[in-house]
C-alpha atoms as a PDB file:
ATOM      1  CA  MET A   1      -0.238   0.239  -0.162  1.00  0.00           C
ATOM      2  CA  CYS A   2       3.274   2.295   1.327  1.00  0.00           C
ATOM      3  CA  ALA A   3       4.284   1.952  -2.585  1.00  0.00           C
ATOM      4  CA  GLU A   4       0.943   2.363  -4.570  1.00  0.00           C
ATOM      5  CA  ALA A   5       0.473   5.877  -2.443  1.00  0.00           C
ATOM      6  CA  ARG A   6       4.202   6.693  -3.258  1.00  0.00           C
ATOM      7  CA  GLN A   7       4.036   6.169  -6.960  1.00  0.00           C
ATOM      8  CA  ARG A   8       0.406   8.346  -7.067  1.00  0.00           C
ATOM      9  CA  GLY A   9       2.612  11.060  -5.685  1.00  0.00           C
ATOM     10  CA  GLN A  10       1.169  10.263  -2.157  1.00  0.00           C
ATOM     11  CA  GLY A  11       2.816  11.681   1.269  1.00  0.00           C
ATOM     12  CA  ARG A  12       1.197  10.288   3.866  1.00  0.00           C
ATOM     13  CA  ILE A  13      -1.851   7.181   4.161  1.00  0.00           C
ATOM     14  CA  THR A  14      -3.566   8.079   7.284  1.00  0.00           C
ATOM     15  CA  VAL A  15      -6.125   4.944   8.568  1.00  0.00           C
ATOM     16  CA  LEU A  16      -9.007   5.003  11.273  1.00  0.00           C
ATOM     17  CA  TRP A  17      -9.935   3.140  14.786  1.00  0.00           C
ATOM     18  CA  VAL A  18     -11.907   2.532  16.970  1.00  0.00           C
ATOM     19  CA  PRO A  19     -10.369   3.175  20.382  1.00  0.00           C
ATOM     20  CA  HIS A  20     -11.306   0.060  22.076  1.00  0.00           C
ATOM     21  CA  ALA A  21      -8.816  -2.210  24.474  1.00  0.00           C
ATOM     22  CA  ASN A  22      -9.139  -5.641  21.408  1.00  0.00           C
ATOM     23  CA  GLY A  23      -8.703  -2.491  18.977  1.00  0.00           C
ATOM     24  CA  PRO A  24      -6.314  -2.156  15.755  1.00  0.00           C
ATOM     25  CA  GLU A  25      -4.024   0.136  17.374  1.00  0.00           C
ATOM     26  CA  GLN A  26      -0.884  -1.638  18.258  1.00  0.00           C
ATOM     27  CA  PHE A  27      -1.260  -3.039  15.030  1.00  0.00           C
ATOM     28  CA  TYR A  28      -1.160   0.079  13.326  1.00  0.00           C
ATOM     29  CA  LEU A  29       0.978   1.886  15.638  1.00  0.00           C
ATOM     30  CA  ARG A  30       4.092  -1.127  14.706  1.00  0.00           C
ATOM     31  CA  VAL A  31       3.583  -0.613  11.140  1.00  0.00           C
ATOM     32  CA  GLY A  32       4.846   2.822  11.622  1.00  0.00           C
ATOM     33  CA  PHE A  33       1.132   5.035  11.681  1.00  0.00           C
ATOM     34  CA  ARG A  34       0.489   8.040  14.736  1.00  0.00           C
ATOM     35  CA  PRO A  35      -2.133   9.568  15.325  1.00  0.00           C
ATOM     36  CA  THR A  36      -2.505  12.526  14.468  1.00  0.00           C
ATOM     37  CA  GLY A  37      -4.798  14.149  16.955  1.00  0.00           C
ATOM     38  CA  GLU A  38      -7.767  14.991  15.204  1.00  0.00           C
ATOM     39  CA  THR A  39     -11.189  11.630  15.419  1.00  0.00           C
ATOM     40  CA  LEU A  40     -13.658  12.321  12.971  1.00  0.00           C
ATOM     41  CA  HIS A  41     -17.409  10.256  14.249  1.00  0.00           C
ATOM     42  CA  GLY A  42     -15.092   8.866  17.300  1.00  0.00           C
ATOM     43  CA  GLN A  43     -12.415   6.904  15.554  1.00  0.00           C
ATOM     44  CA  VAL A  44      -8.825   8.791  15.955  1.00  0.00           C
ATOM     45  CA  LEU A  45      -7.655   9.230  12.671  1.00  0.00           C
ATOM     46  CA  GLY A  46      -3.907   7.654  12.552  1.00  0.00           C
ATOM     47  CA  GLU A  47      -0.614   9.039   9.629  1.00  0.00           C
ATOM     48  CA  ARG A  48       1.730   6.994   8.444  1.00  0.00           C
ATOM     49  CA  LEU A  49       3.769   9.554   6.422  1.00  0.00           C
ATOM     50  CA  LEU A  50       5.982   8.171   3.147  1.00  0.00           C
ATOM     51  CA  THR A  51       9.524  10.349   2.486  1.00  0.00           C
END
């Protein structure tokens, strides 16, 4: 996904997740996403910079 986004000229990719003890947050953090501090409908917005 990262390679495809770079190839298309993107500088970052984003994901949303619901904060929950058994949610995907730890997975996203391990693969390089960081919370932006923004939320959308109660979901955390995470980004991974591609630079």
